[in-house]
N, C-alpha and C. Protein backbone atom coordinates (compact mmCIF):
# COMPACT_ATOMS: atom_id res chain seq x y z
N UNK A 1 0.84 -1.18 0.00
CA UNK A 1 0.00 0.00 0.00
C UNK A 1 0.89 1.25 0.00
N UNK A 2 0.59 2.19 -0.90
CA UNK A 2 1.42 3.41 -0.96
C UNK A 2 1.41 4.19 0.35
N UNK A 3 2.54 4.81 0.64
CA UNK A 3 2.68 5.59 1.87
C UNK A 3 2.07 6.98 1.76
N UNK A 4 1.85 7.45 0.54
CA UNK A 4 1.16 8.72 0.30
C UNK A 4 -0.07 8.43 -0.56
N UNK A 5 -1.09 9.26 -0.39
CA UNK A 5 -2.35 9.03 -1.08
C UNK A 5 -2.29 9.46 -2.54
N UNK A 6 -3.05 8.73 -3.36
CA UNK A 6 -3.26 9.12 -4.75
C UNK A 6 -4.22 10.30 -4.77
N UNK A 7 -4.04 11.21 -5.72
CA UNK A 7 -4.98 12.32 -5.88
C UNK A 7 -6.33 11.75 -6.31
N UNK A 8 -7.37 12.28 -5.73
CA UNK A 8 -8.73 11.85 -6.07
C UNK A 8 -9.21 12.58 -7.32
N UNK A 9 -10.03 11.93 -8.11
CA UNK A 9 -10.55 12.51 -9.35
C UNK A 9 -11.13 13.90 -9.12
N UNK A 10 -11.88 14.07 -8.06
CA UNK A 10 -12.55 15.34 -7.79
C UNK A 10 -11.57 16.48 -7.51
N UNK A 11 -10.34 16.13 -7.14
CA UNK A 11 -9.34 17.13 -6.80
C UNK A 11 -8.40 17.48 -7.96
N UNK A 12 -8.58 16.84 -9.10
CA UNK A 12 -7.67 17.05 -10.23
C UNK A 12 -8.09 18.25 -11.07
N UNK A 13 -7.12 19.14 -11.33
CA UNK A 13 -7.38 20.24 -12.26
C UNK A 13 -6.91 19.80 -13.65
N UNK A 14 -7.03 20.69 -14.62
CA UNK A 14 -6.69 20.35 -16.00
C UNK A 14 -5.23 19.92 -16.14
N UNK A 15 -4.31 20.63 -15.49
CA UNK A 15 -2.90 20.28 -15.60
C UNK A 15 -2.65 18.88 -15.05
N UNK A 16 -3.20 18.55 -13.89
CA UNK A 16 -3.02 17.23 -13.30
C UNK A 16 -3.60 16.15 -14.20
N UNK A 17 -4.78 16.39 -14.73
CA UNK A 17 -5.41 15.42 -15.64
C UNK A 17 -4.56 15.20 -16.89
N UNK A 18 -3.98 16.28 -17.39
CA UNK A 18 -3.13 16.19 -18.58
C UNK A 18 -1.87 15.37 -18.29
N UNK A 19 -1.25 15.59 -17.15
CA UNK A 19 -0.05 14.83 -16.79
C UNK A 19 -0.38 13.35 -16.59
N UNK A 20 -1.50 13.06 -15.96
CA UNK A 20 -1.90 11.67 -15.76
C UNK A 20 -2.24 11.01 -17.10
N UNK A 21 -2.95 11.72 -17.97
CA UNK A 21 -3.29 11.18 -19.29
C UNK A 21 -2.03 10.88 -20.10
N UNK A 22 -1.03 11.75 -20.01
CA UNK A 22 0.24 11.51 -20.70
C UNK A 22 0.89 10.24 -20.17
N UNK A 23 0.88 10.06 -18.86
CA UNK A 23 1.47 8.85 -18.26
C UNK A 23 0.70 7.61 -18.68
N UNK A 24 -0.60 7.71 -18.78
CA UNK A 24 -1.40 6.56 -19.24
C UNK A 24 -1.07 6.21 -20.68
N UNK A 25 -0.83 7.22 -21.50
CA UNK A 25 -0.52 7.00 -22.91
C UNK A 25 0.89 6.41 -23.10
N UNK A 26 1.87 6.97 -22.38
CA UNK A 26 3.26 6.57 -22.60
C UNK A 26 3.69 5.37 -21.75
N UNK A 27 3.07 5.17 -20.60
CA UNK A 27 3.43 4.06 -19.73
C UNK A 27 4.53 4.37 -18.73
N UNK A 28 5.26 5.46 -18.95
CA UNK A 28 6.33 5.84 -18.03
C UNK A 28 6.44 7.36 -18.05
N UNK A 29 6.35 8.01 -16.92
CA UNK A 29 6.18 7.40 -15.60
C UNK A 29 4.79 6.78 -15.49
N UNK A 30 4.68 5.80 -14.63
CA UNK A 30 3.43 5.10 -14.43
C UNK A 30 2.39 6.06 -13.85
N UNK A 31 1.14 5.97 -14.29
CA UNK A 31 0.10 6.87 -13.78
C UNK A 31 -0.08 6.83 -12.26
N UNK A 32 0.26 5.71 -11.64
CA UNK A 32 0.10 5.64 -10.17
C UNK A 32 1.00 6.65 -9.47
N UNK A 33 2.26 6.73 -9.88
CA UNK A 33 3.16 7.68 -9.22
C UNK A 33 2.79 9.11 -9.59
N UNK A 34 2.35 9.31 -10.82
CA UNK A 34 1.93 10.65 -11.23
C UNK A 34 0.73 11.09 -10.41
N UNK A 35 -0.18 10.17 -10.09
CA UNK A 35 -1.35 10.50 -9.26
C UNK A 35 -0.95 10.93 -7.85
N UNK A 36 0.22 10.54 -7.41
CA UNK A 36 0.72 11.01 -6.12
C UNK A 36 1.43 12.36 -6.31
N UNK A 37 2.32 12.44 -7.29
CA UNK A 37 3.15 13.63 -7.46
C UNK A 37 2.36 14.87 -7.85
N UNK A 38 1.25 14.72 -8.56
CA UNK A 38 0.50 15.92 -8.98
C UNK A 38 -0.15 16.64 -7.82
N UNK A 39 -0.09 16.07 -6.64
CA UNK A 39 -0.64 16.74 -5.45
C UNK A 39 0.26 17.88 -4.98
N UNK A 40 1.42 18.04 -5.60
CA UNK A 40 2.39 19.06 -5.22
C UNK A 40 2.87 19.80 -6.46
N UNK A 41 3.09 21.10 -6.36
CA UNK A 41 3.62 21.85 -7.51
C UNK A 41 5.03 21.36 -7.85
N UNK A 42 5.82 21.02 -6.85
CA UNK A 42 7.17 20.48 -7.12
C UNK A 42 7.06 19.12 -7.82
N UNK A 43 6.10 18.31 -7.41
CA UNK A 43 5.88 17.02 -8.06
C UNK A 43 5.48 17.18 -9.51
N UNK A 44 4.61 18.15 -9.79
CA UNK A 44 4.20 18.41 -11.16
C UNK A 44 5.39 18.88 -12.00
N UNK A 45 6.20 19.75 -11.42
CA UNK A 45 7.37 20.25 -12.13
C UNK A 45 8.32 19.09 -12.46
N UNK A 46 8.48 18.16 -11.52
CA UNK A 46 9.35 17.03 -11.79
C UNK A 46 8.78 16.16 -12.90
N UNK A 47 7.48 15.89 -12.90
CA UNK A 47 6.88 15.05 -13.95
C UNK A 47 7.15 15.68 -15.32
N UNK A 48 7.00 16.99 -15.43
CA UNK A 48 7.28 17.68 -16.69
C UNK A 48 8.76 17.55 -17.07
N UNK A 49 9.64 17.74 -16.10
CA UNK A 49 11.08 17.59 -16.35
C UNK A 49 11.40 16.17 -16.79
N UNK A 50 10.86 15.20 -16.08
CA UNK A 50 11.12 13.79 -16.40
C UNK A 50 10.64 13.47 -17.81
N UNK A 51 9.45 13.93 -18.16
CA UNK A 51 8.94 13.68 -19.51
C UNK A 51 9.90 14.24 -20.56
N UNK A 52 10.46 15.40 -20.29
CA UNK A 52 11.42 16.00 -21.21
C UNK A 52 12.70 15.18 -21.29
N UNK A 53 13.25 14.81 -20.15
CA UNK A 53 14.49 14.03 -20.12
C UNK A 53 14.29 12.67 -20.78
N UNK A 54 13.17 12.03 -20.51
CA UNK A 54 12.93 10.67 -21.00
C UNK A 54 12.54 10.64 -22.47
N UNK A 55 11.74 11.60 -22.94
CA UNK A 55 11.17 11.50 -24.28
C UNK A 55 11.75 12.47 -25.30
N UNK A 56 12.52 13.45 -24.87
CA UNK A 56 13.11 14.39 -25.81
C UNK A 56 14.61 14.15 -25.88
N UNK A 57 15.26 14.84 -26.79
CA UNK A 57 16.72 14.76 -26.89
C UNK A 57 17.17 13.91 -28.06
N UNK A 58 18.47 13.66 -28.07
CA UNK A 58 19.11 12.96 -29.19
C UNK A 58 19.18 11.44 -28.99
N UNK A 59 19.25 11.00 -27.76
CA UNK A 59 19.37 9.56 -27.51
C UNK A 59 18.07 8.84 -27.80
N UNK A 60 18.14 7.63 -28.33
CA UNK A 60 16.92 6.86 -28.55
C UNK A 60 16.22 6.59 -27.21
N UNK A 61 14.93 6.72 -27.23
CA UNK A 61 14.17 6.50 -26.00
C UNK A 61 14.40 5.07 -25.47
N UNK A 62 14.46 4.12 -26.35
CA UNK A 62 14.69 2.72 -25.93
C UNK A 62 15.96 2.61 -25.09
N UNK A 63 17.03 3.27 -25.48
CA UNK A 63 18.28 3.23 -24.74
C UNK A 63 18.12 3.85 -23.36
N UNK A 64 17.41 4.97 -23.30
CA UNK A 64 17.17 5.61 -22.01
C UNK A 64 16.34 4.71 -21.09
N UNK A 65 15.35 4.06 -21.66
CA UNK A 65 14.51 3.16 -20.88
C UNK A 65 15.32 1.97 -20.37
N UNK A 66 16.25 1.48 -21.17
CA UNK A 66 17.12 0.38 -20.73
C UNK A 66 17.94 0.81 -19.52
N UNK A 67 18.49 2.00 -19.55
CA UNK A 67 19.27 2.52 -18.42
C UNK A 67 18.39 2.71 -17.20
N UNK A 68 17.19 3.23 -17.40
CA UNK A 68 16.26 3.44 -16.29
C UNK A 68 15.92 2.11 -15.61
N UNK A 69 15.65 1.10 -16.40
CA UNK A 69 15.31 -0.21 -15.84
C UNK A 69 16.51 -0.79 -15.09
N UNK A 70 17.70 -0.69 -15.67
CA UNK A 70 18.90 -1.24 -15.04
C UNK A 70 19.13 -0.61 -13.67
N UNK A 71 19.01 0.71 -13.57
CA UNK A 71 19.19 1.40 -12.29
C UNK A 71 18.08 1.01 -11.32
N UNK A 72 16.86 0.92 -11.81
CA UNK A 72 15.72 0.59 -10.95
C UNK A 72 15.86 -0.79 -10.32
N UNK A 73 16.33 -1.73 -11.09
CA UNK A 73 16.54 -3.08 -10.56
C UNK A 73 17.70 -3.07 -9.56
N UNK A 74 18.72 -2.28 -9.84
CA UNK A 74 19.87 -2.21 -8.92
C UNK A 74 19.47 -1.69 -7.55
N UNK A 75 18.52 -0.75 -7.49
CA UNK A 75 18.10 -0.29 -6.17
C UNK A 75 16.80 -0.96 -5.69
N UNK A 76 16.46 -2.06 -6.38
CA UNK A 76 15.36 -2.94 -5.95
C UNK A 76 14.04 -2.20 -5.74
N UNK A 77 13.76 -1.30 -6.67
CA UNK A 77 12.47 -0.61 -6.63
C UNK A 77 11.46 -1.47 -7.41
N UNK A 78 10.55 -2.09 -6.68
CA UNK A 78 9.56 -2.94 -7.31
C UNK A 78 8.74 -2.20 -8.34
N UNK A 79 8.31 -1.02 -7.99
CA UNK A 79 7.50 -0.20 -8.88
C UNK A 79 8.26 0.13 -10.17
N UNK A 80 9.42 0.75 -10.04
CA UNK A 80 10.18 1.20 -11.22
C UNK A 80 10.69 0.04 -12.07
N UNK A 81 10.96 -1.09 -11.42
CA UNK A 81 11.49 -2.25 -12.14
C UNK A 81 10.44 -2.91 -13.02
N UNK A 82 9.18 -2.71 -12.72
CA UNK A 82 8.12 -3.35 -13.50
C UNK A 82 7.46 -2.41 -14.50
N UNK A 83 7.67 -1.11 -14.36
CA UNK A 83 7.09 -0.14 -15.29
C UNK A 83 7.82 -0.24 -16.63
N UNK A 84 7.06 -0.21 -17.71
CA UNK A 84 7.64 -0.21 -19.05
C UNK A 84 7.02 0.90 -19.86
N UNK A 85 7.84 1.61 -20.57
CA UNK A 85 7.39 2.66 -21.48
C UNK A 85 6.79 2.03 -22.72
N UNK A 86 5.59 2.45 -23.07
CA UNK A 86 4.96 1.98 -24.31
C UNK A 86 5.76 2.44 -25.52
N UNK A 87 6.38 3.60 -25.42
CA UNK A 87 7.20 4.13 -26.51
C UNK A 87 8.41 3.22 -26.73
N UNK A 88 9.08 2.80 -25.65
CA UNK A 88 10.24 1.91 -25.78
C UNK A 88 9.82 0.56 -26.34
N UNK A 89 8.67 0.08 -25.90
CA UNK A 89 8.17 -1.19 -26.47
C UNK A 89 8.00 -1.07 -27.97
N UNK A 90 7.42 0.04 -28.40
CA UNK A 90 7.23 0.26 -29.84
C UNK A 90 8.56 0.34 -30.58
N UNK A 91 9.62 0.75 -29.87
CA UNK A 91 10.96 0.85 -30.46
C UNK A 91 11.73 -0.48 -30.35
N UNK A 92 11.08 -1.53 -29.84
CA UNK A 92 11.72 -2.84 -29.81
C UNK A 92 12.21 -3.32 -28.47
N UNK A 93 11.85 -2.65 -27.38
CA UNK A 93 12.27 -3.11 -26.06
C UNK A 93 11.32 -4.23 -25.61
N UNK A 94 11.79 -5.45 -25.75
CA UNK A 94 11.01 -6.63 -25.35
C UNK A 94 11.45 -7.09 -23.97
N UNK A 95 10.65 -7.95 -23.36
CA UNK A 95 11.04 -8.51 -22.07
C UNK A 95 12.26 -9.41 -22.21
N UNK A 96 12.44 -10.04 -23.36
CA UNK A 96 13.66 -10.83 -23.60
C UNK A 96 14.89 -9.93 -23.58
N UNK A 97 14.78 -8.75 -24.19
CA UNK A 97 15.90 -7.81 -24.18
C UNK A 97 16.14 -7.27 -22.77
N UNK A 98 15.07 -7.00 -22.03
CA UNK A 98 15.23 -6.55 -20.63
C UNK A 98 15.95 -7.63 -19.83
N UNK A 99 15.54 -8.89 -20.00
CA UNK A 99 16.21 -9.99 -19.30
C UNK A 99 17.70 -10.02 -19.68
N UNK A 100 18.01 -9.82 -20.95
CA UNK A 100 19.39 -9.82 -21.39
C UNK A 100 20.18 -8.65 -20.78
N UNK A 101 19.58 -7.47 -20.73
CA UNK A 101 20.32 -6.32 -20.18
C UNK A 101 20.54 -6.45 -18.68
N UNK A 102 19.70 -7.26 -18.02
CA UNK A 102 19.87 -7.49 -16.58
C UNK A 102 20.83 -8.63 -16.27
N UNK A 103 21.17 -9.42 -17.28
CA UNK A 103 21.99 -10.60 -17.02
C UNK A 103 23.21 -10.67 -17.94
N UNK A 104 23.14 -11.39 -19.03
CA UNK A 104 24.32 -11.63 -19.87
C UNK A 104 24.73 -10.45 -20.74
N UNK A 105 23.76 -9.78 -21.33
CA UNK A 105 24.07 -8.66 -22.22
C UNK A 105 24.56 -9.07 -23.59
N UNK A 106 24.33 -10.33 -23.97
CA UNK A 106 24.85 -10.85 -25.24
C UNK A 106 24.23 -10.17 -26.46
N UNK A 107 23.01 -9.71 -26.34
CA UNK A 107 22.31 -9.11 -27.49
C UNK A 107 22.51 -7.60 -27.58
N UNK A 108 23.27 -7.03 -26.68
CA UNK A 108 23.42 -5.58 -26.63
C UNK A 108 24.53 -5.09 -27.56
N UNK A 109 24.32 -3.93 -28.14
CA UNK A 109 25.34 -3.31 -28.98
C UNK A 109 26.42 -2.70 -28.08
N UNK A 110 27.60 -2.41 -28.63
CA UNK A 110 28.64 -1.74 -27.83
C UNK A 110 28.15 -0.40 -27.26
N UNK A 111 27.36 0.34 -28.00
CA UNK A 111 26.81 1.61 -27.52
C UNK A 111 25.87 1.38 -26.33
N UNK A 112 25.01 0.38 -26.43
CA UNK A 112 24.11 0.06 -25.32
C UNK A 112 24.90 -0.38 -24.09
N UNK A 113 25.92 -1.19 -24.31
CA UNK A 113 26.75 -1.65 -23.19
C UNK A 113 27.46 -0.47 -22.52
N UNK A 114 27.92 0.49 -23.31
CA UNK A 114 28.59 1.67 -22.75
C UNK A 114 27.61 2.48 -21.90
N UNK A 115 26.39 2.66 -22.40
CA UNK A 115 25.38 3.42 -21.64
C UNK A 115 25.03 2.69 -20.35
N UNK A 116 24.88 1.40 -20.41
CA UNK A 116 24.53 0.62 -19.21
C UNK A 116 25.68 0.58 -18.21
N UNK A 117 26.92 0.54 -18.71
CA UNK A 117 28.07 0.62 -17.80
C UNK A 117 28.05 1.95 -17.05
N UNK A 118 27.77 3.02 -17.77
CA UNK A 118 27.69 4.34 -17.14
C UNK A 118 26.56 4.37 -16.11
N UNK A 119 25.41 3.81 -16.46
CA UNK A 119 24.28 3.75 -15.52
C UNK A 119 24.67 2.98 -14.26
N UNK A 120 25.38 1.87 -14.44
CA UNK A 120 25.84 1.08 -13.28
C UNK A 120 26.80 1.90 -12.41
N UNK A 121 27.74 2.56 -13.05
CA UNK A 121 28.69 3.39 -12.31
C UNK A 121 27.97 4.53 -11.59
N UNK A 122 27.04 5.17 -12.28
CA UNK A 122 26.28 6.28 -11.69
C UNK A 122 25.56 5.80 -10.44
N UNK A 123 24.96 4.64 -10.50
CA UNK A 123 24.21 4.09 -9.38
C UNK A 123 25.13 3.69 -8.23
N UNK A 124 26.36 3.32 -8.54
CA UNK A 124 27.24 2.76 -7.51
C UNK A 124 27.82 3.79 -6.54
N UNK A 125 27.79 5.07 -6.88
CA UNK A 125 28.28 6.06 -5.94
C UNK A 125 28.89 7.27 -6.61
N UNK A 126 29.08 8.31 -5.83
CA UNK A 126 29.54 9.59 -6.35
C UNK A 126 30.89 9.51 -7.06
N UNK A 127 31.81 8.76 -6.52
CA UNK A 127 33.16 8.74 -7.08
C UNK A 127 33.28 7.89 -8.35
N UNK A 128 32.34 7.01 -8.60
CA UNK A 128 32.45 6.06 -9.70
C UNK A 128 32.51 6.73 -11.07
N UNK A 129 31.77 7.82 -11.26
CA UNK A 129 31.78 8.49 -12.57
C UNK A 129 32.74 9.67 -12.63
N UNK A 130 33.37 9.99 -11.53
CA UNK A 130 34.28 11.12 -11.46
C UNK A 130 35.65 10.69 -11.95
N UNK A 131 35.74 10.45 -13.27
CA UNK A 131 36.96 9.88 -13.83
C UNK A 131 37.09 10.26 -15.30
N UNK A 132 38.28 10.69 -15.68
CA UNK A 132 38.54 10.97 -17.10
C UNK A 132 38.34 9.71 -17.94
N UNK A 133 38.72 8.56 -17.41
CA UNK A 133 38.59 7.30 -18.16
C UNK A 133 37.13 6.99 -18.48
N UNK A 134 36.24 7.25 -17.55
CA UNK A 134 34.81 7.01 -17.79
C UNK A 134 34.34 7.86 -18.96
N UNK A 135 34.72 9.12 -18.97
CA UNK A 135 34.27 10.01 -20.04
C UNK A 135 34.95 9.70 -21.38
N UNK A 136 36.16 9.21 -21.35
CA UNK A 136 36.81 8.78 -22.60
C UNK A 136 36.07 7.58 -23.19
N UNK A 137 35.66 6.63 -22.35
CA UNK A 137 34.90 5.47 -22.84
C UNK A 137 33.55 5.93 -23.41
N UNK A 138 32.90 6.88 -22.74
CA UNK A 138 31.63 7.38 -23.25
C UNK A 138 31.80 8.08 -24.60
N UNK A 139 32.87 8.87 -24.74
CA UNK A 139 33.10 9.61 -25.99
C UNK A 139 33.31 8.67 -27.18
N UNK A 140 33.67 7.45 -26.94
CA UNK A 140 33.83 6.49 -28.03
C UNK A 140 32.48 6.13 -28.66
N UNK A 141 31.38 6.40 -27.95
CA UNK A 141 30.05 6.01 -28.42
C UNK A 141 29.04 7.15 -28.48
N UNK A 142 29.33 8.26 -27.78
CA UNK A 142 28.34 9.32 -27.63
C UNK A 142 28.97 10.70 -27.84
N UNK A 143 28.17 11.62 -28.36
CA UNK A 143 28.59 13.03 -28.44
C UNK A 143 28.50 13.62 -27.03
N UNK A 144 29.09 14.79 -26.85
CA UNK A 144 29.00 15.44 -25.54
C UNK A 144 27.55 15.77 -25.19
N UNK A 145 26.78 16.17 -26.18
CA UNK A 145 25.35 16.44 -25.94
C UNK A 145 24.65 15.18 -25.43
N UNK A 146 24.95 14.05 -26.02
CA UNK A 146 24.35 12.79 -25.59
C UNK A 146 24.83 12.37 -24.20
N UNK A 147 26.07 12.64 -23.89
CA UNK A 147 26.60 12.31 -22.55
C UNK A 147 25.86 13.12 -21.48
N UNK A 148 25.62 14.40 -21.76
CA UNK A 148 24.86 15.22 -20.82
C UNK A 148 23.46 14.64 -20.63
N UNK A 149 22.84 14.29 -21.73
CA UNK A 149 21.48 13.71 -21.68
C UNK A 149 21.46 12.41 -20.88
N UNK A 150 22.44 11.55 -21.12
CA UNK A 150 22.54 10.29 -20.39
C UNK A 150 22.76 10.54 -18.90
N UNK A 151 23.62 11.49 -18.58
CA UNK A 151 23.87 11.84 -17.18
C UNK A 151 22.63 12.37 -16.49
N UNK A 152 21.88 13.22 -17.17
CA UNK A 152 20.64 13.76 -16.59
C UNK A 152 19.62 12.64 -16.35
N UNK A 153 19.53 11.71 -17.29
CA UNK A 153 18.61 10.58 -17.12
C UNK A 153 19.02 9.75 -15.91
N UNK A 154 20.30 9.43 -15.80
CA UNK A 154 20.78 8.63 -14.67
C UNK A 154 20.57 9.35 -13.34
N UNK A 155 20.84 10.65 -13.33
CA UNK A 155 20.65 11.43 -12.09
C UNK A 155 19.20 11.41 -11.64
N UNK A 156 18.30 11.63 -12.57
CA UNK A 156 16.87 11.61 -12.23
C UNK A 156 16.43 10.22 -11.77
N UNK A 157 16.91 9.20 -12.46
CA UNK A 157 16.51 7.83 -12.13
C UNK A 157 17.01 7.43 -10.74
N UNK A 158 18.24 7.75 -10.43
CA UNK A 158 18.79 7.41 -9.12
C UNK A 158 18.10 8.21 -8.02
N UNK A 159 18.03 9.52 -8.18
CA UNK A 159 17.49 10.37 -7.11
C UNK A 159 16.01 10.20 -6.88
N UNK A 160 15.22 10.40 -7.91
CA UNK A 160 13.77 10.30 -7.74
C UNK A 160 13.37 8.84 -7.56
N UNK A 161 14.15 7.93 -8.13
CA UNK A 161 13.87 6.51 -7.93
C UNK A 161 13.89 6.12 -6.46
N UNK A 162 14.77 6.73 -5.70
CA UNK A 162 14.81 6.45 -4.26
C UNK A 162 13.52 6.91 -3.58
N UNK A 163 13.04 8.09 -3.96
CA UNK A 163 11.78 8.58 -3.42
C UNK A 163 10.63 7.64 -3.81
N UNK A 164 10.56 7.30 -5.08
CA UNK A 164 9.46 6.46 -5.55
C UNK A 164 9.50 5.09 -4.88
N UNK A 165 10.70 4.54 -4.71
CA UNK A 165 10.80 3.26 -4.01
C UNK A 165 10.21 3.39 -2.60
N UNK A 166 10.52 4.48 -1.93
CA UNK A 166 10.06 4.66 -0.55
C UNK A 166 8.55 4.86 -0.46
N UNK A 167 7.90 5.23 -1.57
CA UNK A 167 6.45 5.39 -1.56
C UNK A 167 5.72 4.06 -1.43
N UNK A 168 6.42 2.96 -1.72
CA UNK A 168 5.89 1.61 -1.56
C UNK A 168 4.64 1.37 -2.41
N UNK A 169 4.67 1.83 -3.65
CA UNK A 169 3.56 1.59 -4.56
C UNK A 169 3.49 0.10 -4.90
N UNK A 170 4.66 -0.51 -5.07
CA UNK A 170 4.77 -1.94 -5.34
C UNK A 170 6.06 -2.40 -4.70
N UNK A 171 6.00 -3.39 -3.84
CA UNK A 171 7.20 -3.86 -3.15
C UNK A 171 8.08 -4.67 -4.10
N UNK A 172 9.34 -4.85 -3.72
CA UNK A 172 10.26 -5.67 -4.50
C UNK A 172 9.75 -7.10 -4.59
N UNK A 173 9.21 -7.62 -3.51
CA UNK A 173 8.68 -8.98 -3.51
C UNK A 173 7.51 -9.11 -4.49
N UNK A 174 6.62 -8.13 -4.49
CA UNK A 174 5.49 -8.14 -5.44
C UNK A 174 6.00 -8.04 -6.88
N UNK A 175 7.02 -7.24 -7.11
CA UNK A 175 7.60 -7.10 -8.45
C UNK A 175 8.18 -8.43 -8.91
N UNK A 176 8.88 -9.12 -8.02
CA UNK A 176 9.47 -10.43 -8.39
C UNK A 176 8.40 -11.47 -8.67
N UNK A 177 7.26 -11.37 -8.01
CA UNK A 177 6.15 -12.26 -8.32
C UNK A 177 5.60 -11.96 -9.72
N UNK A 178 5.50 -10.68 -10.05
CA UNK A 178 5.02 -10.28 -11.38
C UNK A 178 6.02 -10.63 -12.48
N UNK A 179 7.31 -10.49 -12.16
CA UNK A 179 8.36 -10.73 -13.14
C UNK A 179 9.48 -11.54 -12.47
N UNK A 180 9.37 -12.88 -12.49
CA UNK A 180 10.37 -13.73 -11.81
C UNK A 180 11.81 -13.52 -12.31
N UNK A 181 11.98 -12.96 -13.51
CA UNK A 181 13.33 -12.70 -14.02
C UNK A 181 14.08 -11.70 -13.14
N UNK A 182 13.37 -10.87 -12.40
CA UNK A 182 14.03 -9.88 -11.52
C UNK A 182 14.79 -10.54 -10.39
N UNK A 183 14.36 -11.70 -9.96
CA UNK A 183 14.97 -12.34 -8.79
C UNK A 183 16.12 -13.26 -9.15
N UNK A 184 16.49 -13.32 -10.43
CA UNK A 184 17.61 -14.20 -10.86
C UNK A 184 18.92 -13.71 -10.30
């Protein structure tokens, strides 16, 4: 059971309804978390920012979604680990590919592996990405504009992901029941 209440239909204004409808259409962020966040102006601002980071820019959305899922599983957020973007699915993100990115990585391109390595480093702690070598490896696959975009995605996923995990919308145990591949 979530630790904060979902906004009630009667309390939603046009902006809140629009943000929830967007989440219902895209699949990420999930409408459940948006129904909590729209109760605050800061929460609404973050949903708008997240939509921009996740759906705009130069990087393929599928790649960003892969990084988001990898970080979410690393911090054992049941909610975030089970949410899937409809846009990424349309771009070819299958559950088989998700299973591969969480385990062997045999089907991943060198560019995808580089992005996921960065996501792993970003999640592991402040000092992990503070390295010239990390940025040299990224430059082999990404422009500086893309590196900024990837960094912003990872920062949002790590930081807000911790908040969302704490909301207890879906526990890790419930997520593993829904998707047994998470517990491998």
